[in-house]
């Protein structure tokens, strides 16, 4: 039954299904060799390019489109289930419960209600941030894969870069406003005066 569902999602084309499976394995291997949040290593990127060398660029582009489409589940892209977001959510929940316990302990030991609330809020803040970010990890993982795969496609199409121009952390770039320096036309030059 699962085999029939898998081949029907690829229009009965076994070759396309095998190529998607190979891309999914290559991306998973890349993640395990390079790490989740580290800078992209040239060695891991080279291994990824070499593992995808026999897959046509059109199939890579189709996979990239499906990777960017959040309606396509990860199992149809042959990406293994990642439990990192779930682990972070459990850690955040345990931390929140710990913070509530510390607040109750402070209140029962005679501290004022306002002090106990402040202690609870202070202890719970980092865990609340983790709780908020944990569901986004699956999407961020897909975006990291899409970034690397788009680089491989660009190189296959004739790009000249040896590694991606942006770090993996650029996935989170749009979350916070960027403060840029204003353009001042009559600014004083900071070049040293040479005699």
Protein backbone atom coordinates (compact mmCIF):
# COMPACT_ATOMS: atom_id res chain seq x y z
CA UNK A 1 0.00 0.00 0.00
CA UNK A 2 2.78 2.46 0.93
CA UNK A 3 4.69 1.46 -2.20
CA UNK A 4 1.61 2.16 -4.32
CA UNK A 5 1.12 5.57 -2.64
CA UNK A 6 4.79 6.43 -3.14
CA UNK A 7 4.82 5.59 -6.84
CA UNK A 8 1.47 7.36 -7.41
CA UNK A 9 2.93 10.58 -5.98
CA UNK A 10 5.54 10.45 -8.75
CA UNK A 11 3.04 9.63 -11.50
CA UNK A 12 4.22 6.02 -11.62
CA UNK A 13 7.73 7.08 -12.65
CA UNK A 14 10.15 4.86 -10.71
CA UNK A 15 13.18 6.69 -12.07
CA UNK A 16 12.00 10.04 -10.70
CA UNK A 17 11.22 8.41 -7.37
CA UNK A 18 14.72 6.90 -7.19
CA UNK A 19 16.31 10.25 -8.03
CA UNK A 20 14.28 11.99 -5.32
CA UNK A 21 15.35 9.25 -2.91
CA UNK A 22 19.02 9.82 -3.88
CA UNK A 23 18.70 13.59 -3.36
CA UNK A 24 17.08 13.05 0.05
CA UNK A 25 19.87 10.67 1.10
CA UNK A 26 22.53 13.11 -0.13
CA UNK A 27 21.01 16.03 1.80
CA UNK A 28 20.69 13.92 4.95
CA UNK A 29 24.30 12.84 4.63
CA UNK A 30 25.33 16.45 4.10
CA UNK A 31 23.51 17.48 7.29
CA UNK A 32 25.11 14.71 9.32
CA UNK A 33 28.64 15.51 8.05
CA UNK A 34 28.39 19.29 8.13
CA UNK A 35 26.32 19.77 11.26
CA UNK A 36 23.05 21.52 11.76
CA UNK A 37 24.08 25.10 12.49
CA UNK A 38 27.75 25.25 11.55
CA UNK A 39 29.16 27.15 8.62
CA UNK A 40 29.03 25.15 5.39
CA UNK A 41 32.30 23.30 4.99
CA UNK A 42 33.78 23.08 1.47
CA UNK A 43 34.48 19.37 1.97
CA UNK A 44 30.84 18.55 2.80
CA UNK A 45 29.65 20.71 -0.11
CA UNK A 46 32.02 18.92 -2.48
CA UNK A 47 30.74 15.53 -1.27
CA UNK A 48 27.16 16.70 -1.85
CA UNK A 49 27.97 17.86 -5.39
CA UNK A 50 29.72 14.56 -6.13
CA UNK A 51 26.78 12.53 -4.82
CA UNK A 52 24.35 14.47 -7.07
CA UNK A 53 26.49 14.46 -10.21
CA UNK A 54 24.36 11.88 -12.08
CA UNK A 55 21.04 13.55 -11.32
CA UNK A 56 19.83 15.94 -14.05
CA UNK A 57 19.54 19.61 -13.15
CA UNK A 58 15.84 19.60 -14.04
CA UNK A 59 15.19 16.96 -11.38
CA UNK A 60 17.23 18.97 -8.85
CA UNK A 61 15.15 22.05 -9.67
CA UNK A 62 11.93 20.07 -9.31
CA UNK A 63 13.13 18.78 -5.93
CA UNK A 64 14.02 22.33 -4.90
CA UNK A 65 10.52 23.53 -5.82
CA UNK A 66 9.00 20.72 -3.77
CA UNK A 67 11.38 21.49 -0.90
CA UNK A 68 10.24 25.12 -0.84
CA UNK A 69 6.58 24.08 -1.02
CA UNK A 70 5.50 23.50 2.58
CA UNK A 71 2.47 21.50 1.44
CA UNK A 72 4.80 18.70 0.26
CA UNK A 73 5.56 16.58 3.34
CA UNK A 74 9.17 15.70 4.14
CA UNK A 75 8.58 11.96 3.76
CA UNK A 76 7.70 12.49 0.08
CA UNK A 77 11.09 14.17 -0.30
CA UNK A 78 12.72 11.16 1.38
CA UNK A 79 14.10 13.30 4.18
CA UNK A 80 14.31 11.45 7.50
CA UNK A 81 12.13 12.67 10.33
CA UNK A 82 14.01 15.19 12.41
CA UNK A 83 13.24 15.11 16.12
CA UNK A 84 15.34 18.15 17.03
CA UNK A 85 12.32 20.51 17.18
CA UNK A 86 10.45 18.05 19.39
CA UNK A 87 13.42 17.77 21.75
CA UNK A 88 13.64 21.55 21.96
CA UNK A 89 9.92 21.77 22.72
CA UNK A 90 10.22 19.22 25.54
CA UNK A 91 13.23 21.05 26.95
CA UNK A 92 11.30 24.32 26.83
CA UNK A 93 8.29 22.75 28.55
CA UNK A 94 10.50 21.31 31.30
CA UNK A 95 12.16 24.71 31.73
CA UNK A 96 8.80 26.46 31.99
CA UNK A 97 7.65 23.99 34.63
CA UNK A 98 10.94 24.49 36.49
CA UNK A 99 10.42 28.28 36.39
CA UNK A 100 6.91 27.92 37.79
CA UNK A 101 8.28 25.66 40.52
CA UNK A 102 10.97 28.20 41.42
CA UNK A 103 8.32 30.93 41.56
CA UNK A 104 6.10 28.82 43.82
CA UNK A 105 9.07 28.03 46.04
CA UNK A 106 9.89 31.73 46.29
CA UNK A 107 6.28 32.54 47.18
CA UNK A 108 6.06 29.77 49.79
CA UNK A 109 9.34 30.82 51.41
CA UNK A 110 7.91 34.20 52.30
CA UNK A 111 8.92 36.36 49.34
CA UNK A 112 6.41 38.90 48.20
CA UNK A 113 4.01 38.04 45.43
CA UNK A 114 5.60 40.58 43.10
CA UNK A 115 9.08 39.17 43.76
CA UNK A 116 7.89 35.58 43.18
CA UNK A 117 6.24 36.65 39.93
CA UNK A 118 9.42 38.45 38.79
CA UNK A 119 11.53 35.37 39.60
CA UNK A 120 9.13 33.15 37.65
CA UNK A 121 9.08 35.51 34.68
CA UNK A 122 12.87 35.86 34.63
CA UNK A 123 13.44 32.11 34.83
CA UNK A 124 10.76 31.34 32.23
CA UNK A 125 11.82 33.89 29.58
CA UNK A 126 14.54 31.87 27.80
CA UNK A 127 12.37 28.76 27.81
CA UNK A 128 9.43 30.72 26.39
CA UNK A 129 11.65 31.82 23.50
CA UNK A 130 12.66 28.19 22.91
CA UNK A 131 9.00 27.13 23.04
CA UNK A 132 8.16 29.78 20.45
CA UNK A 133 10.99 28.80 18.07
CA UNK A 134 10.68 25.00 18.29
CA UNK A 135 7.93 24.58 15.63
CA UNK A 136 9.94 26.66 13.17
CA UNK A 137 12.89 24.26 13.17
CA UNK A 138 11.34 21.97 10.54
CA UNK A 139 10.87 24.92 8.16
CA UNK A 140 14.34 26.27 8.92
CA UNK A 141 15.82 22.85 8.16
CA UNK A 142 14.09 22.79 4.78
CA UNK A 143 15.35 26.30 4.05
CA UNK A 144 18.92 25.25 4.88
CA UNK A 145 18.57 22.32 2.47
CA UNK A 146 17.07 24.62 -0.18
CA UNK A 147 19.94 27.08 0.20
CA UNK A 148 22.56 24.38 -0.33
CA UNK A 149 20.66 22.71 -3.17
CA UNK A 150 20.17 26.03 -4.97
CA UNK A 151 23.93 26.57 -4.77
CA UNK A 152 24.55 23.13 -6.32
CA UNK A 153 22.07 23.94 -9.10
CA UNK A 154 23.69 27.32 -9.69
CA UNK A 155 27.12 25.72 -10.02
CA UNK A 156 25.79 23.10 -12.41
CA UNK A 157 24.26 25.87 -14.51
CA UNK A 158 27.64 27.59 -14.79
CA UNK A 159 28.03 29.56 -11.57
CA UNK A 160 31.61 30.30 -10.55
CA UNK A 161 31.40 30.38 -6.74
CA UNK A 162 33.09 27.66 -4.73
CA UNK A 163 30.79 27.93 -1.73
CA UNK A 164 27.48 29.60 -0.91
CA UNK A 165 27.85 33.35 -0.49
CA UNK A 166 25.62 33.59 2.56
CA UNK A 167 25.98 31.71 5.82
CA UNK A 168 23.31 29.26 6.90
CA UNK A 169 22.24 31.73 9.59
CA UNK A 170 20.79 33.92 6.82
CA UNK A 171 17.63 31.81 7.11
CA UNK A 172 16.69 33.94 10.13
CA UNK A 173 17.71 37.25 8.54
CA UNK A 174 14.19 38.61 8.02
CA UNK A 175 13.05 38.08 11.61
CA UNK A 176 14.66 41.21 13.05
CA UNK A 177 14.95 44.68 11.50
CA UNK A 178 18.35 45.60 10.21
CA UNK A 179 19.79 48.96 11.19
CA UNK A 180 21.70 50.43 8.30
CA UNK A 181 23.92 53.46 8.24
CA UNK A 182 22.34 56.44 6.49
CA UNK A 183 24.00 57.60 3.32
CA UNK A 184 25.62 60.96 4.08
CA UNK A 185 26.81 62.66 0.89
CA UNK A 186 29.09 65.26 2.52
CA UNK A 187 30.72 63.02 5.08
CA UNK A 188 34.23 63.74 6.27
CA UNK A 189 36.80 61.36 4.82
CA UNK A 190 38.54 59.17 7.39
CA UNK A 191 41.61 58.58 5.24
CA UNK A 192 44.86 59.29 7.03
CA UNK A 193 46.67 62.43 6.04
CA UNK A 194 49.93 61.58 4.27
CA UNK A 195 52.73 64.18 3.96
